[in-house]
């Protein structure tokens, strides 16, 4: 009896420490994914709020597994192994969506991407930039933002039962989502990326989380009707290919 409690305490403490380490490791990957350019170890440590040596140990582990790599100056970015892991996420959906996204991107001259619901976030699963556009907006796979912001997020919320809508939504946003449900598409400007416009169409797939196909552009005006028509045809093609 005397030794039982200390053993439980040690196990609990070890589990907590392991959970914290795992959480920090996951956060490092998020930090690198969100960074616009490679980061130094000090940058990562600062973002993570830990000592440089702690960040270094975690980064070295990721490097050993190919999840983090270094550029010629020694700065850190996600490694090539991350791409192969990401490609296995919803592989069939990515495979069916990619040709459609490429077609839309090159036809409209805008970055086209597929976003999916990830808990209370809208996360980019796959993205294609146009081949010959003078200027386009980069939309990184893995990039996330709240479902309550941006056209694809609102197109995702519009597919949920009202009881599952985020509790912190304003009445104005609730009214806007009702409009999205009625008209079948969502728009946004200056909500996620400054000065960027987005148009999104809901993508409902049986047995999957709600998704959306969207474009982003910096043009001052957009032919929304043309974009919606093109995105609607793409979502129909993706849905048909995956059996509805």
C-alpha atoms as a PDB file:
ATOM      1  CA  UNK A   1       0.000   0.000   0.000  1.00  0.00           C
ATOM      2  CA  UNK A   2       2.772   2.405   0.895  1.00  0.00           C
ATOM      3  CA  UNK A   3       4.354   2.261  -2.554  1.00  0.00           C
ATOM      4  CA  UNK A   4       1.197   2.342  -4.642  1.00  0.00           C
ATOM      5  CA  UNK A   5       0.450   6.055  -4.453  1.00  0.00           C
ATOM      6  CA  UNK A   6       3.963   7.227  -5.330  1.00  0.00           C
ATOM      7  CA  UNK A   7       4.000   4.919  -8.362  1.00  0.00           C
ATOM      8  CA  UNK A   8       0.685   6.327  -9.551  1.00  0.00           C
ATOM      9  CA  UNK A   9       1.959   9.852  -9.048  1.00  0.00           C
ATOM     10  CA  UNK A  10       5.097   9.121 -11.022  1.00  0.00           C
ATOM     11  CA  UNK A  11       3.090   7.589 -13.851  1.00  0.00           C
ATOM     12  CA  UNK A  12       0.713  10.528 -13.885  1.00  0.00           C
ATOM     13  CA  UNK A  13       3.596  12.981 -13.884  1.00  0.00           C
ATOM     14  CA  UNK A  14       5.352  11.110 -16.674  1.00  0.00           C
ATOM     15  CA  UNK A  15       2.190  11.006 -18.738  1.00  0.00           C
ATOM     16  CA  UNK A  16       1.703  14.725 -18.274  1.00  0.00           C
ATOM     17  CA  UNK A  17       5.293  15.438 -19.298  1.00  0.00           C
ATOM     18  CA  UNK A  18       4.949  13.198 -22.348  1.00  0.00           C
ATOM     19  CA  UNK A  19       1.719  14.944 -23.330  1.00  0.00           C
ATOM     20  CA  UNK A  20       3.372  18.342 -22.999  1.00  0.00           C
ATOM     21  CA  UNK A  21       6.297  17.224 -25.143  1.00  0.00           C
ATOM     22  CA  UNK A  22       3.951  15.865 -27.800  1.00  0.00           C
ATOM     23  CA  UNK A  23       1.879  19.036 -27.712  1.00  0.00           C
ATOM     24  CA  UNK A  24       4.992  21.182 -28.147  1.00  0.00           C
ATOM     25  CA  UNK A  25       6.157  19.005 -31.021  1.00  0.00           C
ATOM     26  CA  UNK A  26       2.845  19.366 -32.813  1.00  0.00           C
ATOM     27  CA  UNK A  27       2.932  23.108 -32.218  1.00  0.00           C
ATOM     28  CA  UNK A  28       6.394  23.307 -33.808  1.00  0.00           C
ATOM     29  CA  UNK A  29       5.027  21.734 -36.982  1.00  0.00           C
ATOM     30  CA  UNK A  30       2.174  24.236 -36.956  1.00  0.00           C
ATOM     31  CA  UNK A  31       4.593  27.130 -36.473  1.00  0.00           C
ATOM     32  CA  UNK A  32       6.727  26.025 -39.415  1.00  0.00           C
ATOM     33  CA  UNK A  33       3.644  25.422 -41.570  1.00  0.00           C
ATOM     34  CA  UNK A  34       2.288  28.903 -40.863  1.00  0.00           C
ATOM     35  CA  UNK A  35       5.591  30.739 -41.341  1.00  0.00           C
ATOM     36  CA  UNK A  36       5.946  32.592 -44.668  1.00  0.00           C
ATOM     37  CA  UNK A  37       9.659  31.678 -44.819  1.00  0.00           C
ATOM     38  CA  UNK A  38      12.115  29.323 -43.047  1.00  0.00           C
ATOM     39  CA  UNK A  39      12.783  30.067 -39.371  1.00  0.00           C
ATOM     40  CA  UNK A  40      15.797  29.930 -37.105  1.00  0.00           C
ATOM     41  CA  UNK A  41      15.851  27.802 -33.958  1.00  0.00           C
ATOM     42  CA  UNK A  42      15.561  30.997 -31.916  1.00  0.00           C
ATOM     43  CA  UNK A  43      12.475  31.982 -33.912  1.00  0.00           C
ATOM     44  CA  UNK A  44      10.842  28.630 -33.186  1.00  0.00           C
ATOM     45  CA  UNK A  45      11.784  28.735 -29.501  1.00  0.00           C
ATOM     46  CA  UNK A  46      10.349  32.244 -29.197  1.00  0.00           C
ATOM     47  CA  UNK A  47       7.077  31.276 -30.873  1.00  0.00           C
ATOM     48  CA  UNK A  48       6.839  28.163 -28.728  1.00  0.00           C
ATOM     49  CA  UNK A  49       7.741  30.005 -25.518  1.00  0.00           C
ATOM     50  CA  UNK A  50      10.511  27.603 -24.479  1.00  0.00           C
ATOM     51  CA  UNK A  51      14.277  27.688 -24.039  1.00  0.00           C
ATOM     52  CA  UNK A  52      16.333  27.298 -27.214  1.00  0.00           C
ATOM     53  CA  UNK A  53      17.730  23.936 -26.047  1.00  0.00           C
ATOM     54  CA  UNK A  54      14.240  22.491 -25.629  1.00  0.00           C
ATOM     55  CA  UNK A  55      13.219  23.599 -29.101  1.00  0.00           C
ATOM     56  CA  UNK A  56      16.478  22.222 -30.523  1.00  0.00           C
ATOM     57  CA  UNK A  57      15.886  18.744 -29.096  1.00  0.00           C
ATOM     58  CA  UNK A  58      12.418  18.555 -30.586  1.00  0.00           C
ATOM     59  CA  UNK A  59      13.574  19.898 -33.937  1.00  0.00           C
ATOM     60  CA  UNK A  60      16.438  17.399 -34.105  1.00  0.00           C
ATOM     61  CA  UNK A  61      13.947  14.556 -33.612  1.00  0.00           C
ATOM     62  CA  UNK A  62      11.820  15.879 -36.448  1.00  0.00           C
ATOM     63  CA  UNK A  63      14.903  16.243 -38.637  1.00  0.00           C
ATOM     64  CA  UNK A  64      15.860  12.635 -38.024  1.00  0.00           C
ATOM     65  CA  UNK A  65      12.447  11.566 -39.316  1.00  0.00           C
ATOM     66  CA  UNK A  66      12.506  13.925 -42.304  1.00  0.00           C
ATOM     67  CA  UNK A  67       9.605  16.007 -41.010  1.00  0.00           C
ATOM     68  CA  UNK A  68      11.767  19.133 -40.718  1.00  0.00           C
ATOM     69  CA  UNK A  69      14.611  20.199 -42.981  1.00  0.00           C
ATOM     70  CA  UNK A  70      17.109  23.031 -43.282  1.00  0.00           C
ATOM     71  CA  UNK A  71      17.884  25.370 -46.157  1.00  0.00           C
ATOM     72  CA  UNK A  72      21.383  26.404 -47.217  1.00  0.00           C
ATOM     73  CA  UNK A  73      21.578  28.958 -44.409  1.00  0.00           C
ATOM     74  CA  UNK A  74      20.524  26.434 -41.757  1.00  0.00           C
ATOM     75  CA  UNK A  75      17.046  27.840 -41.281  1.00  0.00           C
ATOM     76  CA  UNK A  76      14.184  25.434 -40.688  1.00  0.00           C
ATOM     77  CA  UNK A  77      11.109  24.490 -42.685  1.00  0.00           C
ATOM     78  CA  UNK A  78       8.843  21.480 -43.003  1.00  0.00           C
ATOM     79  CA  UNK A  79      10.630  18.537 -44.584  1.00  0.00           C
ATOM     80  CA  UNK A  80       9.781  16.491 -47.640  1.00  0.00           C
ATOM     81  CA  UNK A  81       8.468  13.638 -45.490  1.00  0.00           C
ATOM     82  CA  UNK A  82       5.598  15.905 -44.439  1.00  0.00           C
ATOM     83  CA  UNK A  83       4.420  16.069 -48.041  1.00  0.00           C
ATOM     84  CA  UNK A  84       4.110  12.297 -48.304  1.00  0.00           C
ATOM     85  CA  UNK A  85       2.218  12.151 -45.013  1.00  0.00           C
ATOM     86  CA  UNK A  86      -0.097  14.943 -46.108  1.00  0.00           C
ATOM     87  CA  UNK A  87      -0.767  13.221 -49.428  1.00  0.00           C
ATOM     88  CA  UNK A  88      -2.192  10.238 -47.576  1.00  0.00           C
ATOM     89  CA  UNK A  89      -4.825  12.377 -45.832  1.00  0.00           C
ATOM     90  CA  UNK A  90      -8.158  11.867 -47.637  1.00  0.00           C
ATOM     91  CA  UNK A  91      -6.134  10.504 -50.549  1.00  0.00           C
ATOM     92  CA  UNK A  92      -9.134   9.719 -52.730  1.00  0.00           C
ATOM     93  CA  UNK A  93     -10.620  13.164 -52.188  1.00  0.00           C
ATOM     94  CA  UNK A  94      -7.334  14.856 -53.045  1.00  0.00           C
ATOM     95  CA  UNK A  95      -6.902  12.670 -56.127  1.00  0.00           C
ATOM     96  CA  UNK A  96     -10.352  13.510 -57.474  1.00  0.00           C
ATOM     97  CA  UNK A  97     -10.159  17.178 -56.555  1.00  0.00           C
ATOM     98  CA  UNK A  98      -6.717  17.966 -57.954  1.00  0.00           C
ATOM     99  CA  UNK A  99      -7.618  17.857 -61.690  1.00  0.00           C
ATOM    100  CA  UNK A 100     -10.679  20.012 -61.048  1.00  0.00           C
ATOM    101  CA  UNK A 101      -8.712  22.521 -58.976  1.00  0.00           C
ATOM    102  CA  UNK A 102      -6.052  22.737 -61.686  1.00  0.00           C
ATOM    103  CA  UNK A 103      -8.676  23.307 -64.363  1.00  0.00           C
ATOM    104  CA  UNK A 104     -10.402  26.051 -62.375  1.00  0.00           C
ATOM    105  CA  UNK A 105      -7.129  27.758 -61.426  1.00  0.00           C
ATOM    106  CA  UNK A 106      -5.883  27.945 -65.014  1.00  0.00           C
ATOM    107  CA  UNK A 107      -9.260  28.849 -66.488  1.00  0.00           C
ATOM    108  CA  UNK A 108      -9.960  31.678 -64.037  1.00  0.00           C
ATOM    109  CA  UNK A 109      -6.348  32.698 -63.380  1.00  0.00           C
ATOM    110  CA  UNK A 110      -6.866  32.374 -59.632  1.00  0.00           C
ATOM    111  CA  UNK A 111      -5.587  30.095 -56.892  1.00  0.00           C
ATOM    112  CA  UNK A 112      -8.147  27.350 -56.343  1.00  0.00           C
ATOM    113  CA  UNK A 113      -8.234  25.154 -53.263  1.00  0.00           C
ATOM    114  CA  UNK A 114     -10.194  22.539 -51.377  1.00  0.00           C
ATOM    115  CA  UNK A 115     -10.939  23.283 -47.717  1.00  0.00           C
ATOM    116  CA  UNK A 116     -12.349  20.862 -45.151  1.00  0.00           C
ATOM    117  CA  UNK A 117     -13.792  21.132 -41.669  1.00  0.00           C
ATOM    118  CA  UNK A 118     -11.318  20.311 -38.920  1.00  0.00           C
ATOM    119  CA  UNK A 119     -13.184  20.651 -35.609  1.00  0.00           C
ATOM    120  CA  UNK A 120     -13.932  24.395 -35.428  1.00  0.00           C
ATOM    121  CA  UNK A 121     -11.369  25.235 -38.105  1.00  0.00           C
ATOM    122  CA  UNK A 122     -11.430  25.525 -41.882  1.00  0.00           C
ATOM    123  CA  UNK A 123      -8.281  23.813 -43.175  1.00  0.00           C
ATOM    124  CA  UNK A 124      -6.850  23.818 -46.699  1.00  0.00           C
ATOM    125  CA  UNK A 125      -6.360  20.247 -47.900  1.00  0.00           C
ATOM    126  CA  UNK A 126      -4.948  20.876 -51.371  1.00  0.00           C
ATOM    127  CA  UNK A 127      -4.312  24.016 -53.420  1.00  0.00           C
ATOM    128  CA  UNK A 128      -3.362  24.867 -57.015  1.00  0.00           C
ATOM    129  CA  UNK A 129      -2.001  28.177 -58.299  1.00  0.00           C
ATOM    130  CA  UNK A 130      -2.604  29.212 -61.932  1.00  0.00           C
ATOM    131  CA  UNK A 131       0.239  28.562 -64.366  1.00  0.00           C
ATOM    132  CA  UNK A 132       0.375  31.874 -66.197  1.00  0.00           C
ATOM    133  CA  UNK A 133      -1.156  34.438 -63.858  1.00  0.00           C
ATOM    134  CA  UNK A 134       0.798  37.662 -63.345  1.00  0.00           C
ATOM    135  CA  UNK A 135      -0.085  37.627 -59.644  1.00  0.00           C
ATOM    136  CA  UNK A 136      -1.710  34.943 -57.533  1.00  0.00           C
ATOM    137  CA  UNK A 137      -2.324  34.301 -53.858  1.00  0.00           C
ATOM    138  CA  UNK A 138      -0.541  31.380 -52.216  1.00  0.00           C
ATOM    139  CA  UNK A 139      -2.836  29.143 -50.185  1.00  0.00           C
ATOM    140  CA  UNK A 140      -0.770  26.570 -48.322  1.00  0.00           C
ATOM    141  CA  UNK A 141      -2.127  23.092 -47.657  1.00  0.00           C
ATOM    142  CA  UNK A 142      -2.549  22.742 -43.909  1.00  0.00           C
ATOM    143  CA  UNK A 143      -3.318  26.426 -43.394  1.00  0.00           C
ATOM    144  CA  UNK A 144      -6.209  26.851 -40.962  1.00  0.00           C
ATOM    145  CA  UNK A 145      -8.461  29.594 -39.707  1.00  0.00           C
ATOM    146  CA  UNK A 146     -11.786  29.697 -37.828  1.00  0.00           C
ATOM    147  CA  UNK A 147     -14.820  28.497 -39.771  1.00  0.00           C
ATOM    148  CA  UNK A 148     -16.469  31.816 -39.042  1.00  0.00           C
ATOM    149  CA  UNK A 149     -14.065  33.730 -41.297  1.00  0.00           C
ATOM    150  CA  UNK A 150     -13.529  33.598 -45.035  1.00  0.00           C
ATOM    151  CA  UNK A 151     -15.720  32.295 -47.849  1.00  0.00           C
ATOM    152  CA  UNK A 152     -14.770  28.597 -47.567  1.00  0.00           C
ATOM    153  CA  UNK A 153     -15.318  28.641 -43.801  1.00  0.00           C
ATOM    154  CA  UNK A 154     -18.778  30.106 -44.240  1.00  0.00           C
ATOM    155  CA  UNK A 155     -19.559  27.597 -47.006  1.00  0.00           C
ATOM    156  CA  UNK A 156     -18.653  24.841 -44.550  1.00  0.00           C
ATOM    157  CA  UNK A 157     -20.740  26.263 -41.704  1.00  0.00           C
ATOM    158  CA  UNK A 158     -23.694  26.519 -44.111  1.00  0.00           C
ATOM    159  CA  UNK A 159     -23.714  22.716 -44.383  1.00  0.00           C
ATOM    160  CA  UNK A 160     -23.991  22.156 -40.637  1.00  0.00           C
ATOM    161  CA  UNK A 161     -27.198  21.887 -38.620  1.00  0.00           C
ATOM    162  CA  UNK A 162     -27.798  25.174 -36.814  1.00  0.00           C
ATOM    163  CA  UNK A 163     -27.185  23.450 -33.463  1.00  0.00           C
ATOM    164  CA  UNK A 164     -23.582  22.830 -34.596  1.00  0.00           C
ATOM    165  CA  UNK A 165     -22.873  26.406 -35.622  1.00  0.00           C
ATOM    166  CA  UNK A 166     -20.131  28.022 -33.515  1.00  0.00           C
ATOM    167  CA  UNK A 167     -21.678  29.528 -30.398  1.00  0.00           C
ATOM    168  CA  UNK A 168     -19.796  32.814 -30.742  1.00  0.00           C
ATOM    169  CA  UNK A 169     -21.285  33.693 -34.133  1.00  0.00           C
ATOM    170  CA  UNK A 170     -22.838  37.160 -34.276  1.00  0.00           C
ATOM    171  CA  UNK A 171     -26.403  37.684 -35.458  1.00  0.00           C
ATOM    172  CA  UNK A 172     -25.042  39.394 -38.574  1.00  0.00           C
ATOM    173  CA  UNK A 173     -22.922  36.352 -39.407  1.00  0.00           C
ATOM    174  CA  UNK A 174     -25.819  33.988 -38.741  1.00  0.00           C
ATOM    175  CA  UNK A 175     -27.893  35.996 -41.195  1.00  0.00           C
ATOM    176  CA  UNK A 176     -25.057  35.844 -43.733  1.00  0.00           C
ATOM    177  CA  UNK A 177     -24.825  32.053 -43.357  1.00  0.00           C
ATOM    178  CA  UNK A 178     -28.576  31.824 -43.969  1.00  0.00           C
ATOM    179  CA  UNK A 179     -27.969  33.711 -47.220  1.00  0.00           C
ATOM    180  CA  UNK A 180     -25.189  31.259 -48.135  1.00  0.00           C
ATOM    181  CA  UNK A 181     -27.573  28.355 -47.587  1.00  0.00           C
ATOM    182  CA  UNK A 182     -30.184  30.009 -49.808  1.00  0.00           C
ATOM    183  CA  UNK A 183     -27.952  31.034 -52.702  1.00  0.00           C
ATOM    184  CA  UNK A 184     -25.426  28.190 -52.612  1.00  0.00           C
ATOM    185  CA  UNK A 185     -22.155  30.123 -52.365  1.00  0.00           C
ATOM    186  CA  UNK A 186     -20.188  32.362 -50.003  1.00  0.00           C
ATOM    187  CA  UNK A 187     -17.975  35.398 -50.524  1.00  0.00           C
ATOM    188  CA  UNK A 188     -15.479  37.279 -48.388  1.00  0.00           C
ATOM    189  CA  UNK A 189     -13.108  40.211 -48.597  1.00  0.00           C
ATOM    190  CA  UNK A 190     -10.270  41.143 -46.275  1.00  0.00           C
ATOM    191  CA  UNK A 191     -11.305  38.513 -43.719  1.00  0.00           C
ATOM    192  CA  UNK A 192      -8.462  35.981 -43.615  1.00  0.00           C
ATOM    193  CA  UNK A 193      -5.763  37.547 -45.810  1.00  0.00           C
ATOM    194  CA  UNK A 194      -5.671  41.370 -46.069  1.00  0.00           C
ATOM    195  CA  UNK A 195      -7.026  42.768 -49.363  1.00  0.00           C
ATOM    196  CA  UNK A 196      -7.876  39.286 -50.697  1.00  0.00           C
ATOM    197  CA  UNK A 197     -11.283  38.295 -52.040  1.00  0.00           C
ATOM    198  CA  UNK A 198     -12.625  34.756 -51.960  1.00  0.00           C
ATOM    199  CA  UNK A 199     -15.584  32.904 -53.430  1.00  0.00           C
ATOM    200  CA  UNK A 200     -16.506  29.405 -52.246  1.00  0.00           C
ATOM    201  CA  UNK A 201     -19.089  26.750 -53.048  1.00  0.00           C
ATOM    202  CA  UNK A 202     -20.065  24.039 -50.528  1.00  0.00           C
ATOM    203  CA  UNK A 203     -18.908  20.487 -51.227  1.00  0.00           C
ATOM    204  CA  UNK A 204     -21.049  17.893 -49.466  1.00  0.00           C
ATOM    205  CA  UNK A 205     -19.789  14.313 -49.602  1.00  0.00           C
ATOM    206  CA  UNK A 206     -21.549  11.369 -48.037  1.00  0.00           C
ATOM    207  CA  UNK A 207     -19.812  10.101 -44.916  1.00  0.00           C
ATOM    208  CA  UNK A 208     -17.306  12.983 -44.788  1.00  0.00           C
ATOM    209  CA  UNK A 209     -16.932  16.273 -42.994  1.00  0.00           C
ATOM    210  CA  UNK A 210     -18.305  19.314 -44.872  1.00  0.00           C
ATOM    211  CA  UNK A 211     -15.903  20.801 -47.397  1.00  0.00           C
ATOM    212  CA  UNK A 212     -15.741  23.657 -49.881  1.00  0.00           C
ATOM    213  CA  UNK A 213     -14.030  24.509 -53.152  1.00  0.00           C
ATOM    214  CA  UNK A 214     -12.868  28.110 -53.320  1.00  0.00           C
ATOM    215  CA  UNK A 215     -10.778  30.638 -55.215  1.00  0.00           C
ATOM    216  CA  UNK A 216      -8.819  33.587 -53.833  1.00  0.00           C
ATOM    217  CA  UNK A 217      -7.680  36.660 -55.724  1.00  0.00           C
ATOM    218  CA  UNK A 218      -6.438  40.211 -55.214  1.00  0.00           C
ATOM    219  CA  UNK A 219      -8.476  41.662 -58.106  1.00  0.00           C
ATOM    220  CA  UNK A 220     -10.547  44.713 -57.079  1.00  0.00           C
ATOM    221  CA  UNK A 221     -13.634  43.231 -58.749  1.00  0.00           C
ATOM    222  CA  UNK A 222     -14.627  39.664 -59.546  1.00  0.00           C
ATOM    223  CA  UNK A 223     -17.197  38.146 -61.901  1.00  0.00           C
ATOM    224  CA  UNK A 224     -18.858  36.257 -59.053  1.00  0.00           C
ATOM    225  CA  UNK A 225     -21.533  34.631 -61.226  1.00  0.00           C
ATOM    226  CA  UNK A 226     -18.932  33.167 -63.570  1.00  0.00           C
ATOM    227  CA  UNK A 227     -16.811  31.933 -60.669  1.00  0.00           C
ATOM    228  CA  UNK A 228     -19.772  30.347 -58.887  1.00  0.00           C
ATOM    229  CA  UNK A 229     -20.864  28.583 -62.075  1.00  0.00           C
ATOM    230  CA  UNK A 230     -17.365  27.163 -62.588  1.00  0.00           C
ATOM    231  CA  UNK A 231     -16.939  26.099 -58.969  1.00  0.00           C
ATOM    232  CA  UNK A 232     -20.388  24.493 -58.928  1.00  0.00           C
ATOM    233  CA  UNK A 233     -19.481  22.355 -61.922  1.00  0.00           C
ATOM    234  CA  UNK A 234     -16.276  21.287 -60.198  1.00  0.00           C
ATOM    235  CA  UNK A 235     -17.957  20.358 -56.928  1.00  0.00           C
ATOM    236  CA  UNK A 236     -20.510  18.317 -58.887  1.00  0.00           C
ATOM    237  CA  UNK A 237     -17.716  16.483 -60.715  1.00  0.00           C
ATOM    238  CA  UNK A 238     -15.840  15.727 -57.477  1.00  0.00           C
ATOM    239  CA  UNK A 239     -19.018  14.565 -55.760  1.00  0.00           C
ATOM    240  CA  UNK A 240     -19.979  12.300 -58.673  1.00  0.00           C
ATOM    241  CA  UNK A 241     -16.498  10.768 -58.802  1.00  0.00           C
ATOM    242  CA  UNK A 242     -16.682   9.912 -55.097  1.00  0.00           C
ATOM    243  CA  UNK A 243     -20.175   8.529 -55.272  1.00  0.00           C
ATOM    244  CA  UNK A 244     -22.044  11.548 -53.976  1.00  0.00           C
END
